[in-house]
Amino acid sequence: MTHAPDLPPITGPVRTRFAPSPTGRLHLGNVRTAVFNWLFTRHHGGAFVLRIEDTDLERNLAGSEEGILEDLRWLGLDPDEGPGIGGAFGPYRQSERAERYAAALGRLRAAGHVYPAFGEEDDGGEEAEGEVRRFHRSFRELPPAAAAAREAAGEPFVLRFRVPDVEEVTVVDRIRGEVRFPAAEIDDFVVARRDGRPTYNFAVVVDDVEMGITDVIRGAGHLSNTPRQQLIYDALGADPPRFAHLPTVLSPEGGKLSKRSGADPVSELRERGVPPEAVVNYLSLLGWSHPEEREILTVAELVEALDLDRV
């Protein structure tokens, strides 16, 4: 992995997105991602898209989407497209895009990029974070006629992505440079569950392609997902966005900041009387610094100064 990459300057229209799941109120960790996306987008005069990633039905909480919108409004992080905004392509909720995912899966299946694996649970033996687990590849070369017969008979299956026979997958990151992942460590991963719902890695690529997202700015925890997503972009014949993975914000205990570990809900800060501009100012300095080392900045000053070269 290289550092301080020499990458071409950003030209043309910029489109970013903030894509929370409606599983509770926003906390400082995920709001910090929204802050960086919003400031970067305003700096480049682009469009900031809000997308609610709500396909994990078991984890969705009633009222969470309304709470997310309320928190973003309070912080002044106004989206240009998304739920409640009335943009040209809004509202964006993954739960309303099932036909788009099914169509993309159909194209990949016809081209041989995905195949059914019968009798597997939805996770299909997927690896946990930091762990490599192998699955049985017996279905990878199952003849199409045999697969069609088993599907017609009603046998349950998941859809797996056929990882190509390449040496490595290279991800270009605007913060970290070129990050190389050995392809041998990437199993044929699940892209659709038994009930047809897409997995995260597949849905997010289809959404970003169709919404014209040019820049994906997110936490470093998503870096391990990126080679799978890069392969899906390639299979769809789409150019990937510019990726930028922000440094991880740690909890007081040293682990990743999360709802369960040190991350206050944004709504709680509002109830304490903390000014929203102070929250934006503080979060912008977690992983970025002003060229003049200033620490108290207005939102307008942050918009003028913040870019990715000092992350």
Protein backbone atom coordinates (compact mmCIF):
# COMPACT_ATOMS: atom_id res chain seq x y z
CA MET A 1 0.00 0.00 0.00
CA THR A 2 1.35 3.41 -0.95
CA HIS A 3 0.65 6.67 0.82
CA ALA A 4 0.19 10.31 -0.23
CA PRO A 5 -0.90 9.35 -3.76
CA ASP A 6 -0.32 11.64 -6.72
CA LEU A 7 -3.82 11.56 -8.15
CA PRO A 8 -5.32 13.83 -10.80
CA PRO A 9 -7.28 16.85 -9.59
CA ILE A 10 -11.03 16.54 -9.28
CA THR A 11 -12.78 17.98 -12.31
CA GLY A 12 -16.34 17.90 -13.53
CA PRO A 13 -19.55 17.62 -11.47
CA VAL A 14 -19.19 16.04 -8.04
CA ARG A 15 -21.90 13.82 -6.58
CA THR A 16 -21.53 12.27 -3.14
CA ARG A 17 -23.92 10.37 -0.92
CA PHE A 18 -24.61 9.73 2.74
CA ALA A 19 -26.26 6.33 3.14
CA PRO A 20 -27.29 5.53 6.72
CA SER A 21 -29.34 2.52 7.80
CA PRO A 22 -32.52 3.27 9.77
CA THR A 23 -31.44 1.28 12.82
CA GLY A 24 -31.46 4.13 15.34
CA ARG A 25 -30.44 7.77 15.74
CA LEU A 26 -27.30 9.11 14.11
CA HIS A 27 -24.22 9.15 16.33
CA LEU A 28 -20.97 11.08 16.11
CA GLY A 29 -19.20 8.34 14.17
CA ASN A 30 -21.56 8.21 11.21
CA VAL A 31 -22.36 11.93 11.32
CA ARG A 32 -18.66 12.63 10.91
CA THR A 33 -18.86 10.80 7.57
CA ALA A 34 -21.84 12.96 6.58
CA VAL A 35 -19.91 16.11 7.56
CA PHE A 36 -16.92 15.21 5.36
CA ASN A 37 -19.18 14.34 2.41
CA TRP A 38 -21.23 17.51 2.75
CA LEU A 39 -18.24 19.86 3.15
CA PHE A 40 -16.35 18.20 0.29
CA THR A 41 -19.41 18.45 -1.96
CA ARG A 42 -20.05 22.09 -1.14
CA HIS A 43 -16.33 22.84 -1.67
CA HIS A 44 -16.60 21.47 -5.21
CA GLY A 45 -20.06 22.89 -5.93
CA GLY A 46 -21.61 19.44 -6.34
CA ALA A 47 -24.70 17.53 -5.21
CA PHE A 48 -25.03 15.74 -1.86
CA VAL A 49 -27.42 12.75 -2.01
CA LEU A 50 -29.19 11.14 0.92
CA ARG A 51 -29.96 7.42 0.58
CA ILE A 52 -31.66 5.28 3.22
CA GLU A 53 -30.23 1.75 3.15
CA ASP A 54 -33.15 -0.17 4.61
CA THR A 55 -32.99 -3.65 3.03
CA ASP A 56 -31.94 -5.29 6.32
CA LEU A 57 -35.55 -5.48 7.45
CA GLU A 58 -34.86 -7.27 10.72
CA ARG A 59 -32.74 -4.38 12.03
CA ASN A 60 -34.84 -1.40 10.88
CA LEU A 61 -36.44 0.61 13.68
CA ALA A 62 -39.66 2.56 13.34
CA GLY A 63 -39.06 6.31 13.33
CA SER A 64 -35.35 6.06 12.53
CA GLU A 65 -35.62 7.67 9.10
CA GLU A 66 -37.48 10.64 10.53
CA GLY A 67 -34.81 10.94 13.22
CA ILE A 68 -32.02 10.89 10.63
CA LEU A 69 -33.69 13.68 8.65
CA GLU A 70 -34.21 15.70 11.82
CA ASP A 71 -30.57 15.36 12.85
CA LEU A 72 -29.27 16.35 9.41
CA ARG A 73 -31.56 19.38 9.31
CA TRP A 74 -30.37 20.49 12.75
CA LEU A 75 -26.74 20.21 11.68
CA GLY A 76 -27.40 22.13 8.46
CA LEU A 77 -26.26 19.19 6.30
CA ASP A 78 -29.02 19.69 3.77
CA PRO A 79 -29.11 17.05 1.00
CA ASP A 80 -29.82 18.01 -2.57
CA GLU A 81 -31.65 14.74 -3.31
CA GLY A 82 -33.23 12.13 -1.11
CA PRO A 83 -36.19 11.41 1.18
CA GLY A 84 -38.35 14.42 1.82
CA ILE A 85 -36.27 16.62 -0.48
CA GLY A 86 -38.11 16.18 -3.76
CA GLY A 87 -34.98 15.99 -5.92
CA ALA A 88 -35.08 14.89 -9.52
CA PHE A 89 -34.47 11.24 -8.61
CA GLY A 90 -35.72 11.12 -5.02
CA PRO A 91 -36.78 9.77 -2.69
CA TYR A 92 -33.98 7.23 -2.34
CA ARG A 93 -34.81 4.18 -0.25
CA GLN A 94 -33.31 0.82 -1.08
CA SER A 95 -36.54 -0.90 -0.09
CA GLU A 96 -38.22 0.82 -3.06
CA ARG A 97 -35.61 -0.27 -5.60
CA ALA A 98 -36.11 -4.05 -5.70
CA GLU A 99 -36.85 -4.03 -9.45
CA ARG A 100 -33.59 -2.19 -10.15
CA TYR A 101 -31.56 -4.76 -8.22
CA ALA A 102 -33.38 -7.68 -9.83
CA ALA A 103 -32.70 -6.26 -13.29
CA ALA A 104 -28.99 -5.84 -12.55
CA LEU A 105 -28.78 -9.36 -11.12
CA GLY A 106 -30.47 -10.69 -14.23
CA ARG A 107 -27.87 -9.03 -16.45
CA LEU A 108 -24.99 -10.43 -14.41
CA ARG A 109 -26.52 -13.88 -14.30
CA ALA A 110 -27.04 -13.92 -18.06
CA ALA A 111 -23.39 -12.95 -18.53
CA GLY A 112 -22.22 -15.71 -16.18
CA HIS A 113 -20.95 -13.38 -13.46
CA VAL A 114 -23.29 -14.82 -10.80
CA TYR A 115 -24.60 -18.33 -10.21
CA PRO A 116 -27.05 -20.06 -7.85
CA ALA A 117 -25.75 -21.97 -4.84
CA PHE A 118 -28.48 -24.29 -3.58
CA GLY A 119 -29.35 -25.14 -0.01
CA GLU A 120 -27.25 -22.37 1.53
CA GLU A 121 -28.31 -19.94 4.22
CA ASP A 122 -28.35 -16.24 3.38
CA ASP A 123 -24.83 -15.58 4.66
CA GLY A 124 -23.60 -18.55 2.62
CA GLY A 125 -20.60 -19.00 4.88
CA GLU A 126 -19.42 -15.44 4.35
CA GLU A 127 -16.36 -14.47 6.34
CA ALA A 128 -16.59 -12.33 9.43
CA GLU A 129 -14.50 -9.16 9.67
CA GLY A 130 -10.82 -10.05 9.75
CA GLU A 131 -11.54 -13.74 9.07
CA VAL A 132 -11.32 -15.84 5.92
CA ARG A 133 -13.84 -18.68 5.66
CA ARG A 134 -14.18 -20.89 2.61
CA PHE A 135 -17.37 -22.29 1.18
CA HIS A 136 -17.87 -25.41 -0.89
CA ARG A 137 -17.51 -24.48 -4.60
CA SER A 138 -19.47 -27.40 -5.98
CA PHE A 139 -22.13 -25.12 -7.52
CA ARG A 140 -19.67 -22.86 -9.32
CA GLU A 141 -19.50 -25.19 -12.35
CA LEU A 142 -23.01 -26.61 -12.15
CA PRO A 143 -24.36 -26.80 -15.75
CA PRO A 144 -27.02 -24.13 -16.44
CA ALA A 145 -29.63 -26.78 -17.33
CA ALA A 146 -29.11 -28.55 -14.02
CA ALA A 147 -29.31 -25.28 -12.12
CA ALA A 148 -32.51 -24.32 -13.95
CA ALA A 149 -34.10 -27.69 -13.11
CA ARG A 150 -33.31 -27.36 -9.42
CA GLU A 151 -34.59 -23.78 -9.39
CA ALA A 152 -37.81 -24.84 -11.15
CA ALA A 153 -38.27 -27.56 -8.54
CA GLY A 154 -38.35 -24.88 -5.85
CA GLU A 155 -35.02 -25.65 -4.22
CA PRO A 156 -33.87 -22.59 -2.24
CA PHE A 157 -30.64 -20.88 -3.26
CA VAL A 158 -28.55 -17.77 -2.89
CA LEU A 159 -26.76 -16.05 -5.76
CA ARG A 160 -22.97 -15.87 -5.61
CA PHE A 161 -20.61 -13.67 -7.58
CA ARG A 162 -18.05 -15.56 -9.63
CA VAL A 163 -14.71 -13.99 -8.67
CA PRO A 164 -12.56 -13.91 -11.82
CA ASP A 165 -9.27 -15.75 -12.09
CA VAL A 166 -6.97 -12.77 -11.54
CA GLU A 167 -3.95 -12.31 -9.31
CA GLU A 168 -5.19 -9.30 -7.38
CA VAL A 169 -7.80 -6.57 -7.20
CA THR A 170 -6.41 -3.03 -7.00
CA VAL A 171 -8.41 -0.25 -5.39
CA VAL A 172 -7.30 3.34 -5.91
CA ASP A 173 -7.98 5.38 -2.79
CA ARG A 174 -7.52 9.15 -2.75
CA ILE A 175 -6.20 9.01 0.81
CA ARG A 176 -4.27 5.72 0.89
CA GLY A 177 -3.10 5.35 -2.70
CA GLU A 178 -3.22 1.96 -4.42
CA VAL A 179 -4.41 -0.82 -2.12
CA ARG A 180 -3.90 -4.32 -3.49
CA PHE A 181 -6.01 -7.31 -2.42
CA PRO A 182 -4.97 -10.87 -3.41
CA ALA A 183 -7.88 -12.31 -5.38
CA ALA A 184 -7.22 -15.75 -3.88
CA GLU A 185 -8.46 -14.36 -0.55
CA ILE A 186 -11.81 -13.23 -2.00
CA ASP A 187 -14.37 -16.02 -2.07
CA ASP A 188 -17.32 -16.11 -4.43
CA PHE A 189 -19.47 -13.86 -2.26
CA VAL A 190 -23.26 -13.77 -1.90
CA VAL A 191 -25.00 -10.99 -3.84
CA ALA A 192 -28.63 -12.04 -3.31
CA ARG A 193 -30.34 -13.78 -0.40
CA ARG A 194 -32.78 -16.67 -0.63
CA ASP A 195 -35.73 -14.28 -0.86
CA GLY A 196 -34.08 -12.30 -3.66
CA ARG A 197 -33.07 -9.31 -1.54
CA PRO A 198 -29.62 -8.01 -2.52
CA THR A 199 -26.74 -7.99 -0.09
CA TYR A 200 -25.08 -4.74 0.90
CA ASN A 201 -22.12 -4.99 -1.46
CA PHE A 202 -24.34 -5.52 -4.50
CA ALA A 203 -27.06 -2.99 -3.72
CA VAL A 204 -24.61 -0.21 -2.93
CA VAL A 205 -22.86 -0.60 -6.30
CA VAL A 206 -26.11 -0.61 -8.28
CA ASP A 207 -27.28 2.47 -6.38
CA ASP A 208 -24.05 4.38 -6.85
CA VAL A 209 -23.93 3.58 -10.57
CA GLU A 210 -27.55 4.58 -11.21
CA MET A 211 -27.34 7.70 -9.04
CA GLY A 212 -24.17 8.88 -10.76
CA ILE A 213 -22.11 9.00 -7.56
CA THR A 214 -18.62 10.26 -8.42
CA ASP A 215 -17.02 10.17 -4.96
CA VAL A 216 -17.54 7.62 -2.17
CA ILE A 217 -16.19 9.02 1.09
CA ARG A 218 -16.64 6.65 4.02
CA GLY A 219 -14.91 5.13 7.03
CA ALA A 220 -11.86 2.89 6.79
CA GLY A 221 -13.95 -0.05 8.01
CA HIS A 222 -15.48 -0.24 4.52
CA LEU A 223 -12.12 -0.62 2.79
CA SER A 224 -12.30 -4.42 3.07
CA ASN A 225 -15.63 -4.34 1.16
CA THR A 226 -14.20 -2.33 -1.70
CA PRO A 227 -12.48 -5.07 -3.76
CA ARG A 228 -15.78 -6.97 -3.97
CA GLN A 229 -17.53 -3.79 -5.04
CA GLN A 230 -14.80 -3.07 -7.58
CA LEU A 231 -15.42 -6.49 -9.14
CA ILE A 232 -19.15 -5.76 -9.36
CA TYR A 233 -18.47 -2.42 -11.07
CA ASP A 234 -16.30 -4.25 -13.60
CA ALA A 235 -18.97 -6.91 -14.22
CA LEU A 236 -21.62 -4.21 -14.76
CA GLY A 237 -19.31 -2.43 -17.21
CA ALA A 238 -19.32 0.71 -15.04
CA ASP A 239 -16.49 2.96 -13.97
CA PRO A 240 -16.03 2.92 -10.18
CA PRO A 241 -16.28 6.18 -8.26
CA ARG A 242 -13.31 7.85 -6.63
CA PHE A 243 -12.92 6.14 -3.26
CA ALA A 244 -11.68 7.84 -0.10
CA HIS A 245 -11.63 5.93 3.20
CA LEU A 246 -11.39 8.18 6.23
CA PRO A 247 -9.28 7.23 9.26
CA THR A 248 -11.19 5.41 11.98
CA VAL A 249 -12.39 7.42 14.97
CA LEU A 250 -11.66 5.48 18.15
CA SER A 251 -13.76 5.12 21.28
CA PRO A 252 -12.34 5.93 24.74
CA GLU A 253 -11.57 2.20 25.08
CA GLY A 254 -9.52 2.23 21.88
CA GLY A 255 -11.89 0.35 19.60
CA LYS A 256 -14.02 1.74 16.78
CA LEU A 257 -16.44 4.46 17.86
CA SER A 258 -19.97 3.06 17.71
CA LYS A 259 -23.39 3.30 19.29
CA ARG A 260 -22.27 0.75 21.87
CA SER A 261 -18.91 2.36 22.57
CA GLY A 262 -18.62 6.07 23.31
CA ALA A 263 -20.63 7.63 20.48
CA ASP A 264 -23.26 10.05 21.72
CA PRO A 265 -26.44 10.38 19.65
CA VAL A 266 -26.63 13.69 17.81
CA SER A 267 -30.08 14.26 19.34
CA GLU A 268 -28.53 14.14 22.80
CA LEU A 269 -26.07 16.91 21.89
CA ARG A 270 -28.97 19.03 20.67
CA GLU A 271 -30.80 18.46 23.94
CA ARG A 272 -27.69 19.57 25.85
CA GLY A 273 -27.70 22.86 23.96
CA VAL A 274 -24.54 22.25 21.94
CA PRO A 275 -24.58 24.56 18.87
CA PRO A 276 -24.80 22.56 15.61
CA GLU A 277 -21.99 24.63 14.08
CA ALA A 278 -19.72 23.51 16.92
CA VAL A 279 -20.50 19.86 16.19
CA VAL A 280 -19.67 20.30 12.49
CA ASN A 281 -16.48 22.20 13.35
CA TYR A 282 -15.34 19.55 15.83
CA LEU A 283 -16.08 16.56 13.59
CA SER A 284 -14.32 18.17 10.62
CA LEU A 285 -11.08 18.18 12.63
CA LEU A 286 -11.18 14.43 13.31
CA GLY A 287 -8.78 13.33 10.59
CA TRP A 288 -8.31 16.70 8.83
CA SER A 289 -6.54 19.93 9.69
CA HIS A 290 -6.81 23.46 8.38
CA PRO A 291 -3.80 24.66 6.33
CA GLU A 292 -3.20 27.39 8.94
CA GLU A 293 -3.82 24.97 11.84
CA ARG A 294 -6.94 26.91 12.86
CA GLU A 295 -9.32 25.01 15.10
CA ILE A 296 -12.34 27.32 15.31
CA LEU A 297 -13.94 27.75 11.91
CA THR A 298 -17.34 28.75 10.61
CA VAL A 299 -19.18 26.41 8.29
CA ALA A 300 -18.44 28.78 5.38
CA GLU A 301 -14.72 28.69 6.21
CA LEU A 302 -14.80 24.90 6.36
CA VAL A 303 -16.51 24.70 2.97
CA GLU A 304 -13.81 26.89 1.48
CA ALA A 305 -10.89 24.98 3.03
CA LEU A 306 -11.82 21.30 3.33
CA ASP A 307 -10.56 18.92 0.67
CA LEU A 308 -9.15 15.43 0.86
CA ASP A 309 -5.48 16.31 0.40
CA ARG A 310 -5.06 17.06 4.13
CA VAL A 311 -6.91 14.00 5.47
